[in-house]
């Protein structure tokens, strides 16, 4: 089982930047490690939306079209930490940002961190 804890959310003005962090802890019996990690977001009154995924094996990130060029993920595999650098933020990005981590076919979720972008 993987435990994930997000941090770094807050209130920022439009055009500003934030960096979110997601720290993963591997509590699985075999300590297999965390494969891919990534982010979704959930805005008020909207469906949960994919933001991006960072694949450990490839050390690359894939992003939703809506954030491509504005968001960048990086991962410190030693610390099992995923970062989401967000730039040029828009009010439409206001949401709870949720981190996920995959271990084989199993996906675990953090509780989320609130990002509010004011106009």
C-alpha atoms as a PDB file:
ATOM      1  CA  UNK A   1       0.000   0.000   0.000  1.00  0.00           C
ATOM      2  CA  UNK A   2       1.216   3.456  -0.891  1.00  0.00           C
ATOM      3  CA  UNK A   3       0.506   6.539   1.187  1.00  0.00           C
ATOM      4  CA  UNK A   4       0.663   9.941  -0.490  1.00  0.00           C
ATOM      5  CA  UNK A   5       0.680  13.384   1.082  1.00  0.00           C
ATOM      6  CA  UNK A   6       0.387  16.571  -0.948  1.00  0.00           C
ATOM      7  CA  UNK A   7       1.501  20.041   0.062  1.00  0.00           C
ATOM      8  CA  UNK A   8       2.209  23.437  -1.437  1.00  0.00           C
ATOM      9  CA  UNK A   9      -1.274  24.617  -2.306  1.00  0.00           C
ATOM     10  CA  UNK A  10      -2.536  28.068  -1.461  1.00  0.00           C
ATOM     11  CA  UNK A  11      -3.906  31.325  -2.790  1.00  0.00           C
ATOM     12  CA  UNK A  12      -2.133  32.960  -5.702  1.00  0.00           C
ATOM     13  CA  UNK A  13      -2.966  35.733  -8.122  1.00  0.00           C
ATOM     14  CA  UNK A  14      -3.555  35.033 -11.786  1.00  0.00           C
ATOM     15  CA  UNK A  15      -0.272  34.861 -13.630  1.00  0.00           C
ATOM     16  CA  UNK A  16       1.554  33.658 -10.555  1.00  0.00           C
ATOM     17  CA  UNK A  17       3.291  30.380  -9.813  1.00  0.00           C
ATOM     18  CA  UNK A  18       3.087  27.590  -7.269  1.00  0.00           C
ATOM     19  CA  UNK A  19       4.946  24.373  -6.689  1.00  0.00           C
ATOM     20  CA  UNK A  20       3.107  21.381  -5.306  1.00  0.00           C
ATOM     21  CA  UNK A  21       4.794  18.415  -3.712  1.00  0.00           C
ATOM     22  CA  UNK A  22       3.616  14.855  -3.249  1.00  0.00           C
ATOM     23  CA  UNK A  23       5.551  12.633  -0.888  1.00  0.00           C
ATOM     24  CA  UNK A  24       4.970   8.907  -1.259  1.00  0.00           C
ATOM     25  CA  UNK A  25       5.553   6.205   1.340  1.00  0.00           C
ATOM     26  CA  UNK A  26       5.700   2.575   0.276  1.00  0.00           C
ATOM     27  CA  UNK A  27       4.088   0.369   2.924  1.00  0.00           C
ATOM     28  CA  UNK A  28       3.673  -2.638   0.673  1.00  0.00           C
ATOM     29  CA  UNK A  29       4.981  -5.956   2.050  1.00  0.00           C
ATOM     30  CA  UNK A  30       7.566  -6.363  -0.690  1.00  0.00           C
ATOM     31  CA  UNK A  31       8.544  -2.688  -0.903  1.00  0.00           C
ATOM     32  CA  UNK A  32       8.209  -2.784  -4.663  1.00  0.00           C
ATOM     33  CA  UNK A  33       8.432   0.958  -4.939  1.00  0.00           C
ATOM     34  CA  UNK A  34       6.128   3.414  -6.651  1.00  0.00           C
ATOM     35  CA  UNK A  35       5.927   3.205 -10.416  1.00  0.00           C
ATOM     36  CA  UNK A  36       4.167   6.139 -12.036  1.00  0.00           C
ATOM     37  CA  UNK A  37       3.029   9.176 -10.072  1.00  0.00           C
ATOM     38  CA  UNK A  38       0.868  12.016 -11.225  1.00  0.00           C
ATOM     39  CA  UNK A  39      -1.869  14.537 -10.619  1.00  0.00           C
ATOM     40  CA  UNK A  40      -5.562  15.026 -11.133  1.00  0.00           C
ATOM     41  CA  UNK A  41      -7.572  18.048 -10.108  1.00  0.00           C
ATOM     42  CA  UNK A  42     -11.144  18.531  -9.020  1.00  0.00           C
ATOM     43  CA  UNK A  43     -12.720  21.932  -9.503  1.00  0.00           C
ATOM     44  CA  UNK A  44     -15.994  22.905  -7.824  1.00  0.00           C
ATOM     45  CA  UNK A  45     -18.948  21.472  -9.721  1.00  0.00           C
ATOM     46  CA  UNK A  46     -16.766  19.715 -12.300  1.00  0.00           C
ATOM     47  CA  UNK A  47     -15.566  16.212 -13.028  1.00  0.00           C
ATOM     48  CA  UNK A  48     -12.141  15.171 -11.833  1.00  0.00           C
ATOM     49  CA  UNK A  49      -9.633  16.084 -14.525  1.00  0.00           C
ATOM     50  CA  UNK A  50      -6.322  14.497 -15.455  1.00  0.00           C
ATOM     51  CA  UNK A  51      -3.364  16.877 -15.133  1.00  0.00           C
ATOM     52  CA  UNK A  52      -0.302  14.758 -15.795  1.00  0.00           C
ATOM     53  CA  UNK A  53       1.583  11.551 -15.175  1.00  0.00           C
ATOM     54  CA  UNK A  54       5.283  10.988 -14.588  1.00  0.00           C
ATOM     55  CA  UNK A  55       6.560   7.542 -15.458  1.00  0.00           C
ATOM     56  CA  UNK A  56       9.500   6.412 -13.364  1.00  0.00           C
ATOM     57  CA  UNK A  57      10.853   4.056 -16.016  1.00  0.00           C
ATOM     58  CA  UNK A  58      11.023   6.790 -18.647  1.00  0.00           C
ATOM     59  CA  UNK A  59      11.659   9.784 -16.380  1.00  0.00           C
ATOM     60  CA  UNK A  60       9.275  11.809 -18.478  1.00  0.00           C
ATOM     61  CA  UNK A  61       5.919  13.449 -17.980  1.00  0.00           C
ATOM     62  CA  UNK A  62       2.775  13.502 -20.062  1.00  0.00           C
ATOM     63  CA  UNK A  63       0.426  16.423 -19.590  1.00  0.00           C
ATOM     64  CA  UNK A  64      -3.150  17.311 -20.306  1.00  0.00           C
ATOM     65  CA  UNK A  65      -3.499  19.720 -23.209  1.00  0.00           C
ATOM     66  CA  UNK A  66      -5.001  22.299 -20.872  1.00  0.00           C
ATOM     67  CA  UNK A  67      -1.775  22.611 -18.869  1.00  0.00           C
ATOM     68  CA  UNK A  68       0.853  21.758 -21.482  1.00  0.00           C
ATOM     69  CA  UNK A  69       3.562  24.391 -21.449  1.00  0.00           C
ATOM     70  CA  UNK A  70       2.429  25.832 -18.106  1.00  0.00           C
ATOM     71  CA  UNK A  71       2.985  22.874 -15.754  1.00  0.00           C
ATOM     72  CA  UNK A  72       6.140  20.835 -15.309  1.00  0.00           C
ATOM     73  CA  UNK A  73       6.579  17.694 -13.243  1.00  0.00           C
ATOM     74  CA  UNK A  74       9.784  16.359 -11.784  1.00  0.00           C
ATOM     75  CA  UNK A  75      10.503  13.480  -9.489  1.00  0.00           C
ATOM     76  CA  UNK A  76      13.037  12.738  -6.815  1.00  0.00           C
ATOM     77  CA  UNK A  77      12.935   8.963  -6.891  1.00  0.00           C
ATOM     78  CA  UNK A  78      15.194   8.631  -3.863  1.00  0.00           C
ATOM     79  CA  UNK A  79      12.709  10.620  -1.796  1.00  0.00           C
ATOM     80  CA  UNK A  80       9.648   9.217  -3.602  1.00  0.00           C
ATOM     81  CA  UNK A  81       8.560  12.796  -4.135  1.00  0.00           C
ATOM     82  CA  UNK A  82       6.799  14.236  -7.158  1.00  0.00           C
ATOM     83  CA  UNK A  83       6.761  17.956  -7.822  1.00  0.00           C
ATOM     84  CA  UNK A  84       4.339  19.949  -9.923  1.00  0.00           C
ATOM     85  CA  UNK A  85       5.632  23.369 -10.917  1.00  0.00           C
ATOM     86  CA  UNK A  86       2.723  25.502 -12.082  1.00  0.00           C
ATOM     87  CA  UNK A  87       3.257  28.771 -13.903  1.00  0.00           C
ATOM     88  CA  UNK A  88       1.078  31.411 -15.537  1.00  0.00           C
ATOM     89  CA  UNK A  89      -1.834  30.300 -13.391  1.00  0.00           C
ATOM     90  CA  UNK A  90      -5.390  31.117 -14.364  1.00  0.00           C
ATOM     91  CA  UNK A  91      -8.540  31.316 -12.210  1.00  0.00           C
ATOM     92  CA  UNK A  92      -9.827  28.278 -14.135  1.00  0.00           C
ATOM     93  CA  UNK A  93      -7.064  26.257 -12.459  1.00  0.00           C
ATOM     94  CA  UNK A  94      -8.676  26.695  -9.058  1.00  0.00           C
ATOM     95  CA  UNK A  95      -9.194  23.176  -7.767  1.00  0.00           C
ATOM     96  CA  UNK A  96      -8.158  20.540  -5.290  1.00  0.00           C
ATOM     97  CA  UNK A  97      -5.053  18.905  -6.733  1.00  0.00           C
ATOM     98  CA  UNK A  98      -4.788  15.213  -5.979  1.00  0.00           C
ATOM     99  CA  UNK A  99      -1.664  13.137  -6.282  1.00  0.00           C
ATOM    100  CA  UNK A 100      -1.739   9.485  -7.278  1.00  0.00           C
ATOM    101  CA  UNK A 101       0.833   6.721  -7.229  1.00  0.00           C
ATOM    102  CA  UNK A 102       0.765   3.431  -9.058  1.00  0.00           C
ATOM    103  CA  UNK A 103       2.136   0.119  -7.901  1.00  0.00           C
ATOM    104  CA  UNK A 104       1.427  -2.425 -10.607  1.00  0.00           C
ATOM    105  CA  UNK A 105      -2.285  -2.239 -11.291  1.00  0.00           C
ATOM    106  CA  UNK A 106      -3.057  -0.624  -7.935  1.00  0.00           C
ATOM    107  CA  UNK A 107      -3.479   3.137  -7.684  1.00  0.00           C
ATOM    108  CA  UNK A 108      -3.363   5.060  -4.423  1.00  0.00           C
ATOM    109  CA  UNK A 109      -4.473   8.641  -3.822  1.00  0.00           C
ATOM    110  CA  UNK A 110      -3.570  11.493  -1.577  1.00  0.00           C
ATOM    111  CA  UNK A 111      -6.172  13.689   0.063  1.00  0.00           C
ATOM    112  CA  UNK A 112      -5.365  16.696  -2.089  1.00  0.00           C
ATOM    113  CA  UNK A 113      -4.184  20.241  -1.683  1.00  0.00           C
ATOM    114  CA  UNK A 114      -6.282  23.295  -2.498  1.00  0.00           C
ATOM    115  CA  UNK A 115      -5.064  25.727  -5.137  1.00  0.00           C
ATOM    116  CA  UNK A 116      -7.000  28.966  -5.502  1.00  0.00           C
ATOM    117  CA  UNK A 117      -6.144  31.418  -8.261  1.00  0.00           C
ATOM    118  CA  UNK A 118      -7.647  34.866  -7.882  1.00  0.00           C
ATOM    119  CA  UNK A 119      -8.347  37.170 -10.810  1.00  0.00           C
END
